[in-house]
Amino acid sequence: LALRDLVGSTDRDRWLALTSLSFDISALELYLPLATGGRVVVADTPTSRDATALAALVRDEGVTHVQATPSGWRLLLTGDLPQGLTALCGGEPLPPALATTLRARVTRLLNMYGPTETTIWSTAWDIPPHPARVTIGTPLANTTVRVLDAHDTPTPVGVPGELLIGGTGLADGYHHRPDLTAERFTTLDGQRFYRTGDIVRRLPDGTLD
């Protein structure tokens, strides 16, 4: 529902189901359109690996929203994609050059960030037409983030620290791995967080770099 509000998904939209079911972000492609009364357009395995066939599927079925990794978008960009798409990119760092190229081909481009342990996405950034940098944006609804130093003290704006994520998307832990769960999940001020291991800094506008 947070993504519904962010991207404006409605019952008129059609989402491409492109991602393998073994990857948690596939749940967004399936459940968001169903929850909003939209339509799911499923790409079979051969089509998902063929840029020309995939572009044709998007065009012929009137797909409005496509989610893919940067690697997936590189493949898609070699096909004849239609105009007007809302694009979501995540799962890997989005290089600035690819962000600029992709942004010029779509109506909206959102850079998504979120470890599997904080299913599905945790932050998002609506990329402007000519981005000077690529950030991971701000937390989605019901997601809490902290940027902490080595002593678990919040870092000031502009100072790097480890990103911790809490909220409704937080996993219970690792299956049959209490040691790893204790290492990566922590409780601060009565709230559970996942230690991502990723180093970020808060920018003056509140976004995470």
N, C-alpha and C. Protein backbone atom coordinates (compact mmCIF):
# COMPACT_ATOMS: atom_id res chain seq x y z
N LEU A 1 0.82 -1.21 0.00
CA LEU A 1 0.00 0.00 0.00
C LEU A 1 0.86 1.26 0.00
N ALA A 2 2.01 1.19 0.64
CA ALA A 2 2.93 2.33 0.59
C ALA A 2 3.39 2.58 -0.83
N LEU A 3 3.67 1.49 -1.56
CA LEU A 3 4.08 1.64 -2.96
C LEU A 3 2.92 2.08 -3.82
N ARG A 4 1.72 1.63 -3.49
CA ARG A 4 0.54 2.10 -4.23
C ARG A 4 0.46 3.62 -4.17
N ASP A 5 0.63 4.16 -2.99
CA ASP A 5 0.55 5.61 -2.83
C ASP A 5 1.72 6.31 -3.50
N LEU A 6 2.89 5.69 -3.44
CA LEU A 6 4.08 6.32 -4.01
C LEU A 6 4.02 6.40 -5.52
N VAL A 7 3.64 5.30 -6.16
CA VAL A 7 3.64 5.28 -7.62
C VAL A 7 2.28 5.60 -8.22
N GLY A 8 1.24 5.70 -7.39
CA GLY A 8 -0.08 6.03 -7.90
C GLY A 8 -0.73 4.89 -8.66
N SER A 9 -0.50 3.65 -8.24
CA SER A 9 -1.05 2.48 -8.92
C SER A 9 -2.56 2.39 -8.71
N THR A 10 -3.30 2.18 -9.81
CA THR A 10 -4.76 2.14 -9.75
C THR A 10 -5.28 0.90 -10.48
N ASP A 11 -6.60 0.79 -10.55
CA ASP A 11 -7.20 -0.35 -11.24
C ASP A 11 -7.06 -0.25 -12.75
N ARG A 12 -6.54 0.85 -13.24
CA ARG A 12 -6.33 0.99 -14.69
C ARG A 12 -4.94 0.54 -15.12
N ASP A 13 -4.08 0.24 -14.15
CA ASP A 13 -2.69 -0.06 -14.46
C ASP A 13 -2.44 -1.55 -14.67
N ARG A 14 -1.37 -1.82 -15.41
CA ARG A 14 -0.95 -3.18 -15.70
C ARG A 14 0.53 -3.34 -15.35
N TRP A 15 0.79 -4.27 -14.48
CA TRP A 15 2.15 -4.51 -14.00
C TRP A 15 2.75 -5.73 -14.69
N LEU A 16 3.99 -5.62 -15.07
CA LEU A 16 4.71 -6.74 -15.66
C LEU A 16 5.27 -7.62 -14.55
N ALA A 17 4.91 -8.90 -14.56
CA ALA A 17 5.48 -9.87 -13.62
C ALA A 17 6.69 -10.49 -14.30
N LEU A 18 7.85 -9.95 -13.99
CA LEU A 18 9.08 -10.31 -14.68
C LEU A 18 10.04 -11.08 -13.79
N THR A 19 9.98 -10.83 -12.49
CA THR A 19 10.97 -11.33 -11.55
C THR A 19 10.69 -12.78 -11.14
N SER A 20 11.76 -13.56 -10.98
CA SER A 20 11.62 -14.93 -10.50
C SER A 20 10.94 -14.95 -9.14
N LEU A 21 10.10 -15.97 -8.91
CA LEU A 21 9.40 -16.08 -7.64
C LEU A 21 10.34 -16.34 -6.46
N SER A 22 11.58 -16.71 -6.74
CA SER A 22 12.54 -16.93 -5.66
C SER A 22 13.11 -15.61 -5.13
N PHE A 23 12.78 -14.51 -5.77
CA PHE A 23 13.27 -13.18 -5.40
C PHE A 23 12.11 -12.42 -4.76
N ASP A 24 12.31 -11.89 -3.55
CA ASP A 24 11.17 -11.32 -2.81
C ASP A 24 10.48 -10.17 -3.52
N ILE A 25 11.18 -9.44 -4.40
CA ILE A 25 10.54 -8.30 -5.04
C ILE A 25 9.45 -8.73 -6.02
N SER A 26 9.43 -10.04 -6.36
CA SER A 26 8.36 -10.52 -7.24
C SER A 26 6.99 -10.34 -6.59
N ALA A 27 6.95 -10.35 -5.27
CA ALA A 27 5.66 -10.20 -4.56
C ALA A 27 5.00 -8.86 -4.87
N LEU A 28 5.82 -7.82 -5.08
CA LEU A 28 5.26 -6.51 -5.42
C LEU A 28 4.56 -6.55 -6.77
N GLU A 29 5.18 -7.22 -7.74
CA GLU A 29 4.63 -7.29 -9.08
C GLU A 29 3.31 -8.06 -9.12
N LEU A 30 3.14 -8.98 -8.19
CA LEU A 30 1.93 -9.80 -8.17
C LEU A 30 0.84 -9.20 -7.28
N TYR A 31 1.21 -8.81 -6.06
CA TYR A 31 0.20 -8.42 -5.09
C TYR A 31 -0.27 -6.98 -5.22
N LEU A 32 0.61 -6.06 -5.62
CA LEU A 32 0.17 -4.67 -5.72
C LEU A 32 -0.93 -4.48 -6.76
N PRO A 33 -0.77 -4.99 -7.99
CA PRO A 33 -1.87 -4.83 -8.93
C PRO A 33 -3.14 -5.56 -8.49
N LEU A 34 -2.99 -6.71 -7.85
CA LEU A 34 -4.18 -7.42 -7.40
C LEU A 34 -4.87 -6.67 -6.26
N ALA A 35 -4.08 -6.06 -5.37
CA ALA A 35 -4.65 -5.32 -4.25
C ALA A 35 -5.34 -4.03 -4.69
N THR A 36 -4.93 -3.51 -5.85
CA THR A 36 -5.51 -2.26 -6.33
C THR A 36 -6.50 -2.47 -7.48
N GLY A 37 -6.75 -3.74 -7.81
CA GLY A 37 -7.70 -4.01 -8.89
C GLY A 37 -7.10 -3.91 -10.27
N GLY A 38 -5.78 -3.86 -10.33
CA GLY A 38 -5.10 -3.77 -11.62
C GLY A 38 -4.93 -5.13 -12.26
N ARG A 39 -4.06 -5.21 -13.24
CA ARG A 39 -3.86 -6.43 -14.00
C ARG A 39 -2.39 -6.83 -13.96
N VAL A 40 -2.14 -8.14 -13.88
CA VAL A 40 -0.80 -8.67 -13.90
C VAL A 40 -0.53 -9.29 -15.28
N VAL A 41 0.54 -8.86 -15.91
CA VAL A 41 0.95 -9.43 -17.20
C VAL A 41 2.20 -10.26 -16.95
N VAL A 42 2.08 -11.57 -17.11
CA VAL A 42 3.17 -12.48 -16.76
C VAL A 42 4.07 -12.73 -17.96
N ALA A 43 5.37 -12.52 -17.75
CA ALA A 43 6.36 -12.83 -18.77
C ALA A 43 6.90 -14.23 -18.51
N ASP A 44 6.77 -15.13 -19.49
CA ASP A 44 7.33 -16.47 -19.30
C ASP A 44 8.85 -16.40 -19.39
N THR A 45 9.51 -17.50 -19.06
CA THR A 45 10.97 -17.50 -18.98
C THR A 45 11.65 -17.14 -20.30
N PRO A 46 11.26 -17.74 -21.43
CA PRO A 46 11.93 -17.35 -22.69
C PRO A 46 11.75 -15.87 -23.00
N THR A 47 10.55 -15.33 -22.77
CA THR A 47 10.30 -13.91 -23.06
C THR A 47 11.14 -13.01 -22.16
N SER A 48 11.29 -13.40 -20.89
CA SER A 48 12.02 -12.57 -19.93
C SER A 48 13.49 -12.43 -20.28
N ARG A 49 13.99 -13.31 -21.17
CA ARG A 49 15.41 -13.28 -21.54
C ARG A 49 15.64 -12.70 -22.93
N ASP A 50 14.56 -12.25 -23.57
CA ASP A 50 14.63 -11.75 -24.94
C ASP A 50 14.13 -10.31 -24.97
N ALA A 51 15.03 -9.36 -25.17
CA ALA A 51 14.66 -7.95 -25.10
C ALA A 51 13.57 -7.58 -26.10
N THR A 52 13.66 -8.11 -27.30
CA THR A 52 12.67 -7.79 -28.33
C THR A 52 11.30 -8.34 -27.96
N ALA A 53 11.26 -9.60 -27.51
CA ALA A 53 10.00 -10.22 -27.13
C ALA A 53 9.41 -9.54 -25.89
N LEU A 54 10.27 -9.15 -24.97
CA LEU A 54 9.80 -8.51 -23.74
C LEU A 54 9.22 -7.13 -24.04
N ALA A 55 9.89 -6.36 -24.89
CA ALA A 55 9.38 -5.05 -25.27
C ALA A 55 8.04 -5.18 -26.00
N ALA A 56 7.93 -6.22 -26.82
CA ALA A 56 6.68 -6.46 -27.55
C ALA A 56 5.55 -6.80 -26.58
N LEU A 57 5.85 -7.60 -25.55
CA LEU A 57 4.84 -7.96 -24.55
C LEU A 57 4.38 -6.71 -23.80
N VAL A 58 5.32 -5.88 -23.40
CA VAL A 58 4.99 -4.64 -22.69
C VAL A 58 4.10 -3.75 -23.57
N ARG A 59 4.45 -3.63 -24.82
CA ARG A 59 3.72 -2.78 -25.74
C ARG A 59 2.33 -3.36 -26.06
N ASP A 60 2.28 -4.64 -26.39
CA ASP A 60 1.03 -5.26 -26.83
C ASP A 60 0.01 -5.38 -25.70
N GLU A 61 0.49 -5.57 -24.47
CA GLU A 61 -0.42 -5.75 -23.34
C GLU A 61 -0.71 -4.45 -22.60
N GLY A 62 -0.14 -3.35 -23.07
CA GLY A 62 -0.41 -2.06 -22.43
C GLY A 62 0.14 -1.95 -21.02
N VAL A 63 1.30 -2.57 -20.78
CA VAL A 63 1.91 -2.53 -19.45
C VAL A 63 2.26 -1.09 -19.08
N THR A 64 1.96 -0.72 -17.84
CA THR A 64 2.23 0.64 -17.36
C THR A 64 3.37 0.70 -16.34
N HIS A 65 3.62 -0.41 -15.62
CA HIS A 65 4.64 -0.43 -14.57
C HIS A 65 5.56 -1.62 -14.77
N VAL A 66 6.85 -1.35 -14.73
CA VAL A 66 7.85 -2.41 -14.87
C VAL A 66 8.89 -2.26 -13.77
N GLN A 67 9.16 -3.37 -13.09
CA GLN A 67 10.19 -3.40 -12.05
C GLN A 67 11.29 -4.35 -12.49
N ALA A 68 12.54 -3.91 -12.36
CA ALA A 68 13.66 -4.77 -12.75
C ALA A 68 14.92 -4.29 -12.03
N THR A 69 15.91 -5.17 -11.99
CA THR A 69 17.22 -4.79 -11.49
C THR A 69 17.93 -3.94 -12.55
N PRO A 70 19.01 -3.26 -12.20
CA PRO A 70 19.78 -2.56 -13.23
C PRO A 70 20.20 -3.47 -14.38
N SER A 71 20.57 -4.70 -14.06
CA SER A 71 20.93 -5.64 -15.13
C SER A 71 19.73 -5.91 -16.04
N GLY A 72 18.56 -6.06 -15.44
CA GLY A 72 17.35 -6.28 -16.21
C GLY A 72 17.00 -5.09 -17.09
N TRP A 73 17.19 -3.89 -16.56
CA TRP A 73 16.89 -2.69 -17.34
C TRP A 73 17.86 -2.52 -18.50
N ARG A 74 19.10 -2.93 -18.33
CA ARG A 74 20.04 -2.87 -19.45
C ARG A 74 19.54 -3.74 -20.60
N LEU A 75 18.99 -4.90 -20.26
CA LEU A 75 18.42 -5.77 -21.28
C LEU A 75 17.20 -5.12 -21.92
N LEU A 76 16.31 -4.61 -21.09
CA LEU A 76 15.07 -4.00 -21.59
C LEU A 76 15.34 -2.81 -22.50
N LEU A 77 16.37 -2.04 -22.19
CA LEU A 77 16.66 -0.85 -22.97
C LEU A 77 17.15 -1.16 -24.38
N THR A 78 17.55 -2.40 -24.61
CA THR A 78 17.96 -2.77 -25.97
C THR A 78 16.76 -3.09 -26.85
N GLY A 79 15.57 -3.19 -26.24
CA GLY A 79 14.34 -3.43 -26.99
C GLY A 79 13.63 -2.11 -27.27
N ASP A 80 12.54 -2.19 -28.00
CA ASP A 80 11.78 -1.01 -28.39
C ASP A 80 10.67 -0.77 -27.37
N LEU A 81 11.04 -0.24 -26.21
CA LEU A 81 10.07 -0.01 -25.15
C LEU A 81 9.12 1.13 -25.52
N PRO A 82 7.84 1.00 -25.16
CA PRO A 82 6.90 2.09 -25.43
C PRO A 82 7.12 3.26 -24.48
N GLN A 83 6.54 4.40 -24.82
CA GLN A 83 6.62 5.57 -23.97
C GLN A 83 5.62 5.45 -22.81
N GLY A 84 5.86 6.23 -21.76
CA GLY A 84 4.87 6.34 -20.69
C GLY A 84 5.01 5.38 -19.53
N LEU A 85 6.08 4.60 -19.49
CA LEU A 85 6.24 3.62 -18.42
C LEU A 85 6.62 4.27 -17.10
N THR A 86 6.14 3.67 -16.01
CA THR A 86 6.67 3.94 -14.68
C THR A 86 7.65 2.81 -14.38
N ALA A 87 8.90 3.16 -14.11
CA ALA A 87 9.96 2.16 -13.94
C ALA A 87 10.43 2.14 -12.49
N LEU A 88 10.57 0.93 -11.95
CA LEU A 88 11.14 0.73 -10.63
C LEU A 88 12.44 -0.05 -10.80
N CYS A 89 13.50 0.43 -10.16
CA CYS A 89 14.81 -0.21 -10.30
C CYS A 89 15.36 -0.50 -8.91
N GLY A 90 15.79 -1.74 -8.68
CA GLY A 90 16.32 -2.08 -7.37
C GLY A 90 17.00 -3.44 -7.39
N GLY A 91 17.46 -3.87 -6.24
CA GLY A 91 18.12 -5.16 -6.13
C GLY A 91 19.62 -5.09 -6.30
N GLU A 92 20.09 -4.05 -6.95
CA GLU A 92 21.52 -3.79 -7.16
C GLU A 92 21.70 -2.28 -7.15
N PRO A 93 22.92 -1.78 -6.90
CA PRO A 93 23.15 -0.34 -7.02
C PRO A 93 22.85 0.15 -8.44
N LEU A 94 22.21 1.29 -8.54
CA LEU A 94 21.87 1.88 -9.83
C LEU A 94 22.96 2.88 -10.23
N PRO A 95 23.77 2.55 -11.25
CA PRO A 95 24.83 3.47 -11.67
C PRO A 95 24.24 4.77 -12.22
N PRO A 96 24.88 5.91 -11.94
CA PRO A 96 24.35 7.20 -12.42
C PRO A 96 24.15 7.25 -13.93
N ALA A 97 25.06 6.67 -14.70
CA ALA A 97 24.92 6.71 -16.16
C ALA A 97 23.68 5.96 -16.61
N LEU A 98 23.42 4.81 -16.00
CA LEU A 98 22.22 4.04 -16.35
C LEU A 98 20.97 4.79 -15.90
N ALA A 99 21.03 5.42 -14.74
CA ALA A 99 19.89 6.20 -14.25
C ALA A 99 19.53 7.31 -15.24
N THR A 100 20.52 7.99 -15.76
CA THR A 100 20.29 9.08 -16.71
C THR A 100 19.69 8.53 -18.01
N THR A 101 20.25 7.45 -18.51
CA THR A 101 19.75 6.85 -19.75
C THR A 101 18.32 6.35 -19.59
N LEU A 102 18.07 5.63 -18.51
CA LEU A 102 16.75 5.05 -18.28
C LEU A 102 15.72 6.14 -18.02
N ARG A 103 16.10 7.15 -17.25
CA ARG A 103 15.15 8.23 -16.92
C ARG A 103 14.66 8.94 -18.18
N ALA A 104 15.51 9.02 -19.18
CA ALA A 104 15.13 9.68 -20.44
C ALA A 104 14.14 8.86 -21.26
N ARG A 105 14.03 7.56 -20.94
CA ARG A 105 13.16 6.67 -21.72
C ARG A 105 11.81 6.38 -21.06
N VAL A 106 11.65 6.80 -19.79
CA VAL A 106 10.42 6.49 -19.07
C VAL A 106 9.81 7.77 -18.49
N THR A 107 8.55 7.66 -18.08
CA THR A 107 7.88 8.81 -17.49
C THR A 107 8.31 9.05 -16.05
N ARG A 108 8.44 7.95 -15.29
CA ARG A 108 8.92 8.04 -13.91
C ARG A 108 9.91 6.92 -13.67
N LEU A 109 10.92 7.22 -12.85
CA LEU A 109 11.91 6.22 -12.47
C LEU A 109 12.13 6.32 -10.97
N LEU A 110 11.90 5.19 -10.28
CA LEU A 110 12.11 5.15 -8.84
C LEU A 110 13.22 4.18 -8.51
N ASN A 111 14.20 4.67 -7.75
CA ASN A 111 15.28 3.81 -7.27
C ASN A 111 14.84 3.21 -5.95
N MET A 112 14.75 1.88 -5.91
CA MET A 112 14.25 1.18 -4.74
C MET A 112 15.40 0.53 -3.99
N TYR A 113 15.28 0.52 -2.64
CA TYR A 113 16.31 -0.10 -1.82
C TYR A 113 15.63 -0.89 -0.70
N GLY A 114 16.17 -2.07 -0.42
CA GLY A 114 15.64 -2.85 0.69
C GLY A 114 16.22 -4.25 0.72
N PRO A 115 16.94 -4.60 1.77
CA PRO A 115 17.45 -5.97 1.90
C PRO A 115 16.28 -6.95 2.06
N THR A 116 16.53 -8.21 1.72
CA THR A 116 15.51 -9.24 1.88
C THR A 116 15.01 -9.30 3.33
N GLU A 117 15.89 -9.03 4.28
CA GLU A 117 15.51 -9.10 5.70
C GLU A 117 14.48 -8.04 6.09
N THR A 118 14.26 -7.07 5.22
CA THR A 118 13.26 -6.01 5.52
C THR A 118 12.23 -5.95 4.41
N THR A 119 11.81 -7.12 3.97
CA THR A 119 10.90 -7.33 2.85
C THR A 119 9.81 -6.25 2.74
N ILE A 120 9.47 -5.74 1.54
CA ILE A 120 10.17 -5.99 0.30
C ILE A 120 11.12 -4.81 0.04
N TRP A 121 10.57 -3.63 -0.09
CA TRP A 121 11.38 -2.42 -0.22
C TRP A 121 11.29 -1.61 1.06
N SER A 122 12.35 -0.88 1.37
CA SER A 122 12.39 -0.08 2.59
C SER A 122 12.45 1.41 2.31
N THR A 123 13.16 1.80 1.26
CA THR A 123 13.25 3.21 0.89
C THR A 123 13.07 3.35 -0.61
N ALA A 124 12.79 4.58 -1.03
CA ALA A 124 12.62 4.83 -2.47
C ALA A 124 12.97 6.28 -2.77
N TRP A 125 13.42 6.50 -4.01
CA TRP A 125 13.73 7.86 -4.47
C TRP A 125 13.19 8.05 -5.87
N ASP A 126 12.39 9.07 -6.04
CA ASP A 126 11.83 9.43 -7.34
C ASP A 126 12.90 10.23 -8.09
N ILE A 127 13.51 9.61 -9.08
CA ILE A 127 14.67 10.21 -9.75
C ILE A 127 14.23 11.32 -10.70
N PRO A 128 14.82 12.50 -10.58
CA PRO A 128 14.48 13.61 -11.47
C PRO A 128 15.04 13.39 -12.87
N PRO A 129 14.61 14.20 -13.85
CA PRO A 129 15.05 14.00 -15.24
C PRO A 129 16.56 14.04 -15.44
N HIS A 130 17.26 14.87 -14.69
CA HIS A 130 18.71 14.97 -14.87
C HIS A 130 19.40 14.85 -13.51
N PRO A 131 19.48 13.61 -13.00
CA PRO A 131 20.01 13.43 -11.64
C PRO A 131 21.50 13.73 -11.55
N ALA A 132 21.87 14.51 -10.53
CA ALA A 132 23.28 14.79 -10.28
C ALA A 132 23.93 13.64 -9.53
N ARG A 133 23.11 12.91 -8.77
CA ARG A 133 23.58 11.73 -8.04
C ARG A 133 22.40 10.78 -7.90
N VAL A 134 22.69 9.57 -7.49
CA VAL A 134 21.63 8.59 -7.26
C VAL A 134 21.62 8.25 -5.77
N THR A 135 20.51 8.51 -5.10
CA THR A 135 20.38 8.17 -3.69
C THR A 135 19.34 7.07 -3.52
N ILE A 136 19.22 6.57 -2.28
CA ILE A 136 18.18 5.58 -2.02
C ILE A 136 16.95 6.21 -1.39
N GLY A 137 16.93 7.54 -1.33
CA GLY A 137 15.71 8.25 -0.98
C GLY A 137 15.37 8.24 0.50
N THR A 138 14.09 8.08 0.78
CA THR A 138 13.56 8.16 2.14
C THR A 138 12.73 6.91 2.45
N PRO A 139 12.49 6.63 3.74
CA PRO A 139 11.76 5.41 4.10
C PRO A 139 10.32 5.42 3.60
N LEU A 140 9.84 4.22 3.27
CA LEU A 140 8.44 4.04 2.94
C LEU A 140 7.61 4.08 4.22
N ALA A 141 6.30 4.09 4.07
CA ALA A 141 5.40 4.10 5.23
C ALA A 141 5.67 2.89 6.12
N ASN A 142 5.59 3.10 7.43
CA ASN A 142 5.79 2.04 8.42
C ASN A 142 7.18 1.44 8.39
N THR A 143 8.14 2.23 7.92
CA THR A 143 9.54 1.83 7.92
C THR A 143 10.34 2.88 8.69
N THR A 144 11.21 2.41 9.57
CA THR A 144 12.04 3.29 10.38
C THR A 144 13.50 3.04 10.04
N VAL A 145 14.28 4.11 9.90
CA VAL A 145 15.71 3.94 9.63
C VAL A 145 16.53 4.71 10.67
N ARG A 146 17.69 4.19 10.95
CA ARG A 146 18.65 4.88 11.80
C ARG A 146 20.01 4.82 11.10
N VAL A 147 20.79 5.88 11.25
CA VAL A 147 22.16 5.91 10.75
C VAL A 147 23.05 6.07 11.99
N LEU A 148 23.81 5.00 12.31
CA LEU A 148 24.53 4.95 13.57
C LEU A 148 26.02 4.75 13.36
N ASP A 149 26.80 5.26 14.32
CA ASP A 149 28.25 5.03 14.28
C ASP A 149 28.58 3.70 14.97
N ALA A 150 29.85 3.44 15.19
CA ALA A 150 30.29 2.16 15.76
C ALA A 150 29.81 1.96 17.19
N HIS A 151 29.38 3.04 17.84
CA HIS A 151 28.88 2.96 19.22
C HIS A 151 27.36 3.03 19.28
N ASP A 152 26.71 2.82 18.12
CA ASP A 152 25.24 2.88 18.02
C ASP A 152 24.70 4.25 18.40
N THR A 153 25.48 5.28 18.10
CA THR A 153 25.06 6.66 18.31
C THR A 153 24.66 7.27 16.97
N PRO A 154 23.53 7.96 16.89
CA PRO A 154 23.12 8.57 15.61
C PRO A 154 24.18 9.52 15.08
N THR A 155 24.45 9.46 13.79
CA THR A 155 25.44 10.35 13.18
C THR A 155 24.75 11.63 12.71
N PRO A 156 25.47 12.75 12.72
CA PRO A 156 24.91 14.01 12.21
C PRO A 156 24.70 13.95 10.70
N VAL A 157 23.97 14.92 10.19
CA VAL A 157 23.75 15.04 8.75
C VAL A 157 25.10 15.11 8.03
N GLY A 158 25.26 14.31 6.99
CA GLY A 158 26.48 14.33 6.20
C GLY A 158 27.57 13.40 6.68
N VAL A 159 27.41 12.82 7.87
CA VAL A 159 28.44 11.94 8.43
C VAL A 159 28.05 10.49 8.20
N PRO A 160 28.91 9.69 7.58
CA PRO A 160 28.56 8.30 7.28
C PRO A 160 28.35 7.45 8.53
N GLY A 161 27.50 6.46 8.39
CA GLY A 161 27.25 5.49 9.46
C GLY A 161 26.54 4.29 8.88
N GLU A 162 26.36 3.26 9.71
CA GLU A 162 25.67 2.06 9.24
C GLU A 162 24.16 2.29 9.24
N LEU A 163 23.51 1.81 8.21
CA LEU A 163 22.06 1.93 8.11
C LEU A 163 21.39 0.76 8.82
N LEU A 164 20.49 1.08 9.74
CA LEU A 164 19.66 0.10 10.42
C LEU A 164 18.21 0.34 10.01
N ILE A 165 17.46 -0.73 9.80
CA ILE A 165 16.09 -0.62 9.33
C ILE A 165 15.16 -1.38 10.27
N GLY A 166 14.05 -0.74 10.62
CA GLY A 166 13.01 -1.39 11.41
C GLY A 166 11.65 -1.10 10.80
N GLY A 167 10.61 -1.69 11.38
CA GLY A 167 9.27 -1.44 10.88
C GLY A 167 8.53 -2.73 10.56
N THR A 168 7.40 -2.59 9.89
CA THR A 168 6.53 -3.74 9.66
C THR A 168 7.10 -4.76 8.69
N GLY A 169 8.06 -4.37 7.88
CA GLY A 169 8.64 -5.31 6.93
C GLY A 169 9.76 -6.16 7.50
N LEU A 170 10.09 -5.93 8.77
CA LEU A 170 11.26 -6.59 9.37
C LEU A 170 11.00 -8.09 9.57
N ALA A 171 11.97 -8.90 9.15
CA ALA A 171 11.87 -10.35 9.33
C ALA A 171 12.03 -10.72 10.81
N ASP A 172 11.54 -11.91 11.17
CA ASP A 172 11.72 -12.40 12.54
C ASP A 172 13.17 -12.81 12.78
N GLY A 173 13.86 -13.23 11.73
CA GLY A 173 15.23 -13.67 11.87
C GLY A 173 15.55 -14.71 10.81
N TYR A 174 16.68 -15.39 10.98
CA TYR A 174 17.11 -16.42 10.04
C TYR A 174 16.65 -17.80 10.52
N HIS A 175 16.13 -18.57 9.61
CA HIS A 175 15.58 -19.89 9.94
C HIS A 175 16.66 -20.80 10.52
N HIS A 176 16.43 -21.24 11.77
CA HIS A 176 17.35 -22.15 12.45
C HIS A 176 18.76 -21.58 12.58
N ARG A 177 18.89 -20.24 12.59
CA ARG A 177 20.20 -19.60 12.77
C ARG A 177 20.13 -18.55 13.87
N PRO A 178 19.93 -18.97 15.12
CA PRO A 178 19.82 -17.99 16.21
C PRO A 178 21.09 -17.15 16.38
N ASP A 179 22.25 -17.73 16.06
CA ASP A 179 23.50 -16.98 16.19
C ASP A 179 23.55 -15.83 15.21
N LEU A 180 23.18 -16.11 13.95
CA LEU A 180 23.20 -15.06 12.93
C LEU A 180 22.09 -14.04 13.18
N THR A 181 20.95 -14.53 13.66
CA THR A 181 19.85 -13.62 13.99
C THR A 181 20.28 -12.64 15.08
N ALA A 182 20.95 -13.14 16.10
CA ALA A 182 21.41 -12.28 17.20
C ALA A 182 22.46 -11.28 16.73
N GLU A 183 23.25 -11.69 15.73
CA GLU A 183 24.31 -10.82 15.22
C GLU A 183 23.75 -9.67 14.38
N ARG A 184 22.73 -9.95 13.56
CA ARG A 184 22.27 -8.96 12.59
C ARG A 184 21.01 -8.21 13.02
N PHE A 185 20.25 -8.75 13.96
CA PHE A 185 19.05 -8.07 14.44
C PHE A 185 19.30 -7.59 15.86
N THR A 186 18.87 -6.36 16.13
CA THR A 186 19.14 -5.76 17.44
C THR A 186 17.93 -4.98 17.90
N THR A 187 17.88 -4.68 19.17
CA THR A 187 16.80 -3.88 19.75
C THR A 187 17.38 -2.59 20.31
N LEU A 188 16.84 -1.48 19.87
CA LEU A 188 17.27 -0.16 20.33
C LEU A 188 16.05 0.63 20.76
N ASP A 189 16.06 1.11 21.98
CA ASP A 189 14.94 1.90 22.51
C ASP A 189 13.61 1.17 22.35
N GLY A 190 13.65 -0.16 22.57
CA GLY A 190 12.44 -0.95 22.52
C GLY A 190 11.96 -1.34 21.13
N GLN A 191 12.73 -1.02 20.08
CA GLN A 191 12.33 -1.35 18.72
C GLN A 191 13.40 -2.21 18.06
N ARG A 192 12.95 -3.25 17.33
CA ARG A 192 13.88 -4.13 16.64
C ARG A 192 14.35 -3.50 15.33
N PHE A 193 15.63 -3.75 15.01
CA PHE A 193 16.21 -3.25 13.77
C PHE A 193 17.07 -4.33 13.15
N TYR A 194 17.24 -4.20 11.84
CA TYR A 194 18.18 -5.05 11.11
C TYR A 194 19.41 -4.23 10.76
N ARG A 195 20.58 -4.76 11.09
CA ARG A 195 21.84 -4.09 10.75
C ARG A 195 22.19 -4.46 9.30
N THR A 196 22.05 -3.50 8.40
CA THR A 196 22.23 -3.81 6.97
C THR A 196 23.68 -4.02 6.59
N GLY A 197 24.61 -3.39 7.33
CA GLY A 197 26.02 -3.42 6.94
C GLY A 197 26.33 -2.40 5.86
N ASP A 198 25.30 -1.72 5.36
CA ASP A 198 25.50 -0.70 4.33
C ASP A 198 25.82 0.65 4.98
N ILE A 199 26.77 1.35 4.40
CA ILE A 199 27.17 2.66 4.93
C ILE A 199 26.45 3.76 4.14
N VAL A 200 25.78 4.63 4.86
CA VAL A 200 25.03 5.72 4.24
C VAL A 200 25.31 7.02 5.01
N ARG A 201 24.79 8.09 4.45
CA ARG A 201 24.80 9.37 5.17
C ARG A 201 23.50 10.08 4.84
N ARG A 202 22.98 10.80 5.81
CA ARG A 202 21.80 11.62 5.57
C ARG A 202 22.21 12.91 4.90
N LEU A 203 21.50 13.29 3.86
CA LEU A 203 21.73 14.56 3.20
C LEU A 203 20.83 15.62 3.85
N PRO A 204 21.13 16.89 3.65
CA PRO A 204 20.33 17.95 4.27
C PRO A 204 18.85 17.88 3.96
N ASP A 205 18.48 17.32 2.80
CA ASP A 205 17.05 17.23 2.44
C ASP A 205 16.38 15.98 3.02
N GLY A 206 17.14 15.19 3.81
CA GLY A 206 16.55 14.02 4.44
C GLY A 206 16.74 12.72 3.71
N THR A 207 17.22 12.77 2.48
CA THR A 207 17.42 11.53 1.71
C THR A 207 18.69 10.82 2.19
N LEU A 208 18.75 9.54 1.90
CA LEU A 208 19.88 8.71 2.28
C LEU A 208 20.77 8.48 1.07
N ASP A 209 22.04 8.78 1.24
CA ASP A 209 23.03 8.61 0.16
C ASP A 209 23.91 7.42 0.51
